[in-house]
Every structure is written in C-alpha cells, then in structure tokens.
Amino acid sequence: MPAATEIAAALGLMEDVVGVSHECDFPNEANTRPRVTKCPAHNAGFTSKEIDEWVRRALRENGTIYTIDEPLLRELRPDVILTQKLCDVCAVGYGTVARLAETLLGPPRVVNLEPSSLSDIFDDIRWIARACDVAERKVIGTRRSGARASSTCRASATMFSHGMGRSAVLFRSLGTGIG
C-alpha cells in the first residue's frame, strides 16, 4: 500500500523499511527497496478496456490480480507488515497477507490500514507508530495536523451548508507536521 510507505517515511522509518509493494514510489527511497508484490498489468501499457478485461479474467481464474514474492519476503524477515483490507483489487488481499505472515519467522505483526475518513488516516498513522515503536513526540504532529484538517473540513461544510457556494479545500502536506 503506497500510503503506508509514505506514512512510514513521515515517521522516520525508511531505514527500517525492508520491502515495498510494486506501487510504492514515494519517497524516492522506496524505489531502492525490494518489491515484494507484483501485478502483471502494472506498467504494461494496456488501454482502459484491456485493463478491465485483464482484471476480470485474473479475478475469475486466480481470485487475485497480485502475487507476493514469498521467498523474498521470507528472506527480508519483516517485523511488521503494513497492509489493507479496503480493496482486494487495489492491493494483495488482507487474508492472503495475514495467512502468509502466520508462516513467517516471528511471525511479523500485520497492521491493517482501512481508512474511510480523514480522521481514520490519522488513526492509521498512530497505529503504524505504535506497531513500530515510534516515540510519542513524533506522533504529536499527527494530532495537530488531524485537528487542523478536521477544523478545516467542518468550516468548509458549514460554509457550503449556508449557501456560500462551492468550497475548495487545500490540505498542506503532512510531511512537515509529523516529524
């Protein structure tokens, strides 16, 4: 899950990240990590129609469109695996990840990220911080950023509900608020 890598980086954990998904490309350091997942359609140059046909066929025939490089994951020996249950078409299915994790040495802790709101994203940041033993002082910025974002959303919703027209909201990057 690309956002998980970005959160890990914002928490100062990139030195501890031993592998990433095929989708992870930010921060730039993610591009130097081994890819533990694959999707044959990724960067294949398919048209939208071809992607749709390929995804439907792969799901029908295999139940998934992704694969995990299990030997590589075993070699990397992660302590924590960040994954998601939100969408099995967006990433390797949570059940697949959890079952594989149970067979790994340790076994590693599986942290599920399943945000459905802005506040859930900030909760996920705190879950990752706890799972990776990040000092509380690094997470304090998350609370501040979350409070600012929530306040901005409430103000925007109030303006919109009072007939003040379309609202445009811009959120500043979290990178500076967490570290």
Protein backbone atom coordinates (compact mmCIF):
# COMPACT_ATOMS: atom_id res chain seq x y z
CA MET A 1 0.00 0.00 0.00
CA PRO A 2 1.78 3.14 -1.17
CA ALA A 3 0.34 5.39 1.55
CA ALA A 4 1.77 3.05 4.18
CA THR A 5 5.28 3.66 2.84
CA GLU A 6 4.70 7.40 2.84
CA ILE A 7 3.46 7.25 6.43
CA ALA A 8 6.46 5.16 7.46
CA ALA A 9 8.75 7.74 5.86
CA ALA A 10 6.97 10.62 7.60
CA LEU A 11 7.52 8.81 10.90
CA GLY A 12 11.25 8.49 10.15
CA LEU A 13 11.14 4.76 9.49
CA MET A 14 12.58 4.45 5.97
CA GLU A 15 15.81 2.92 7.26
CA ASP A 16 13.66 0.13 8.72
CA VAL A 17 11.58 -0.46 5.58
CA VAL A 18 12.94 -3.69 4.08
CA GLY A 19 10.47 -4.11 1.20
CA VAL A 20 7.62 -2.33 -0.56
CA SER A 21 4.78 -3.10 -2.94
CA HIS A 22 5.12 -2.73 -6.68
CA GLU A 23 3.10 0.52 -6.42
CA CYS A 24 5.33 2.32 -3.90
CA ASP A 25 7.35 5.13 -5.42
CA PHE A 26 7.42 7.86 -2.76
CA PRO A 27 9.53 8.93 -1.09
CA ASN A 28 12.30 8.30 -3.57
CA GLU A 29 13.98 5.92 -1.07
CA ALA A 30 11.10 3.50 -1.67
CA ASN A 31 12.48 2.93 -5.17
CA THR A 32 15.63 1.42 -3.65
CA ARG A 33 13.71 -1.24 -1.69
CA PRO A 34 12.92 -4.73 -2.99
CA ARG A 35 9.41 -5.13 -4.46
CA VAL A 36 7.56 -7.88 -2.62
CA THR A 37 4.39 -7.74 -4.74
CA LYS A 38 3.76 -7.89 -8.46
CA CYS A 39 0.92 -7.16 -10.81
CA PRO A 40 1.50 -8.29 -14.41
CA ALA A 41 -0.74 -5.47 -15.71
CA HIS A 42 1.26 -2.80 -13.88
CA ASN A 43 3.04 -0.57 -16.41
CA ALA A 44 2.07 -2.98 -19.21
CA GLY A 45 0.74 -0.19 -21.40
CA PHE A 46 -2.80 -1.59 -21.51
CA THR A 47 -5.73 0.56 -22.55
CA SER A 48 -8.54 1.02 -20.01
CA LYS A 49 -10.59 -1.64 -21.79
CA GLU A 50 -7.65 -4.08 -21.79
CA ILE A 51 -7.04 -3.49 -18.09
CA ASP A 52 -10.71 -4.13 -17.33
CA GLU A 53 -10.67 -7.37 -19.34
CA TRP A 54 -7.39 -8.49 -17.78
CA VAL A 55 -8.59 -7.77 -14.22
CA ARG A 56 -11.88 -9.61 -14.76
CA ARG A 57 -10.08 -12.64 -16.22
CA ALA A 58 -7.41 -12.70 -13.48
CA LEU A 59 -10.02 -12.45 -10.71
CA ARG A 60 -12.12 -15.20 -12.32
CA GLU A 61 -9.14 -17.52 -12.87
CA ASN A 62 -6.93 -16.73 -9.84
CA GLY A 63 -9.08 -14.81 -7.37
CA THR A 64 -6.49 -12.02 -7.32
CA ILE A 65 -4.52 -9.81 -9.66
CA TYR A 66 -1.43 -9.66 -7.45
CA THR A 67 1.28 -12.03 -6.33
CA ILE A 68 3.59 -11.90 -3.33
CA ASP A 69 7.22 -12.86 -3.77
CA GLU A 70 7.09 -15.28 -0.84
CA PRO A 71 10.78 -16.36 -0.94
CA LEU A 72 11.84 -12.70 -0.95
CA LEU A 73 9.50 -11.85 1.92
CA ARG A 74 10.91 -14.76 3.95
CA GLU A 75 14.45 -13.55 3.21
CA LEU A 76 13.62 -9.97 4.28
CA ARG A 77 12.19 -11.18 7.64
CA PRO A 78 9.96 -8.18 8.41
CA ASP A 79 8.88 -7.48 12.00
CA VAL A 80 5.79 -5.56 10.84
CA ILE A 81 3.77 -5.83 7.63
CA LEU A 82 1.61 -2.86 6.67
CA THR A 83 -1.36 -3.86 4.52
CA GLN A 84 -5.00 -3.00 3.88
CA LYS A 85 -8.46 -4.58 3.80
CA LEU A 86 -10.02 -1.70 1.94
CA CYS A 87 -9.94 -3.16 -1.57
CA ASP A 88 -8.76 -6.53 -2.89
CA VAL A 89 -8.46 -5.05 -6.38
CA CYS A 90 -6.22 -2.23 -5.09
CA ALA A 91 -3.62 -4.45 -3.40
CA VAL A 92 -2.94 -8.00 -2.27
CA GLY A 93 -5.94 -9.18 -0.24
CA TYR A 94 -5.65 -8.86 3.53
CA GLY A 95 -6.44 -12.55 4.07
CA THR A 96 -3.61 -13.57 1.76
CA VAL A 97 -1.16 -11.32 3.59
CA ALA A 98 -2.33 -12.44 7.06
CA ARG A 99 -2.13 -16.16 6.18
CA LEU A 100 1.35 -15.78 4.74
CA ALA A 101 2.51 -13.71 7.73
CA GLU A 102 1.50 -16.55 10.07
CA THR A 103 4.03 -18.80 8.32
CA LEU A 104 6.93 -16.33 8.56
CA LEU A 105 9.58 -16.36 11.25
CA GLY A 106 8.42 -14.32 14.24
CA PRO A 107 5.68 -14.07 12.95
CA PRO A 108 5.56 -10.40 11.98
CA ARG A 109 2.79 -8.17 13.23
CA VAL A 110 0.25 -7.38 10.48
CA VAL A 111 -1.12 -3.85 10.66
CA ASN A 112 -4.28 -3.31 8.66
CA LEU A 113 -4.90 0.15 7.25
CA GLU A 114 -8.53 0.69 6.34
CA PRO A 115 -9.31 4.40 6.41
CA SER A 116 -12.75 5.58 5.38
CA SER A 117 -12.39 9.16 6.62
CA LEU A 118 -9.73 11.75 7.17
CA SER A 119 -9.63 11.04 10.90
CA ASP A 120 -9.11 7.32 10.10
CA ILE A 121 -5.95 8.25 8.19
CA PHE A 122 -4.57 9.96 11.29
CA ASP A 123 -5.57 6.89 13.34
CA ASP A 124 -3.64 4.72 10.87
CA ILE A 125 -0.58 6.92 11.34
CA ARG A 126 -0.83 6.35 15.10
CA TRP A 127 -1.31 2.55 14.59
CA ILE A 128 1.84 2.40 12.48
CA ALA A 129 3.75 4.48 15.03
CA ARG A 130 2.72 2.13 17.86
CA ALA A 131 3.48 -1.01 15.87
CA CYS A 132 6.95 0.32 15.01
CA ASP A 133 7.73 1.77 18.46
CA VAL A 134 7.94 5.34 17.20
CA ALA A 135 8.44 7.82 20.02
CA GLU A 136 5.29 9.68 21.05
CA ARG A 137 6.89 13.04 20.25
CA LYS A 138 6.92 12.14 16.54
CA VAL A 139 3.19 11.42 16.61
CA ILE A 140 2.19 14.67 18.32
CA GLY A 141 2.38 16.49 14.97
CA THR A 142 -0.15 13.99 13.65
CA ARG A 143 -2.67 15.08 16.28
CA ARG A 144 -2.10 18.73 15.38
CA SER A 145 -2.41 18.05 11.66
CA GLY A 146 -5.53 15.97 12.25
CA ALA A 147 -7.12 18.68 14.36
CA ARG A 148 -6.33 21.33 11.72
CA ALA A 149 -7.70 19.16 8.92
CA SER A 150 -10.87 18.35 10.87
CA SER A 151 -11.39 22.01 11.66
CA THR A 152 -10.94 22.94 8.01
CA CYS A 153 -13.43 20.28 6.91
CA ARG A 154 -16.01 21.45 9.46
CA ALA A 155 -15.60 25.08 8.41
CA SER A 156 -15.88 24.14 4.76
CA ALA A 157 -19.01 22.06 5.38
CA THR A 158 -20.58 24.93 7.35
CA MET A 159 -19.86 27.39 4.55
CA PHE A 160 -21.31 25.02 1.98
CA SER A 161 -24.44 24.28 4.03
CA HIS A 162 -25.11 28.00 4.45
CA GLY A 163 -25.26 28.53 0.70
CA MET A 164 -21.86 30.12 0.37
CA GLY A 165 -21.32 28.25 -2.87
CA ARG A 166 -18.76 25.68 -3.78
CA SER A 167 -16.00 25.21 -1.28
CA ALA A 168 -12.42 24.50 -2.22
CA VAL A 169 -10.19 22.97 0.42
CA LEU A 170 -6.43 22.61 0.22
CA PHE A 171 -4.52 20.41 2.67
CA ARG A 172 -0.86 21.00 3.24
CA SER A 173 1.50 18.04 3.02
CA LEU A 174 1.71 16.00 6.20
CA GLY A 175 5.44 15.55 5.80
CA THR A 176 6.37 18.55 7.89
CA GLY A 177 3.66 18.12 10.52
CA ILE A 178 4.63 14.64 11.68
CA GLY A 179 8.41 14.65 12.02
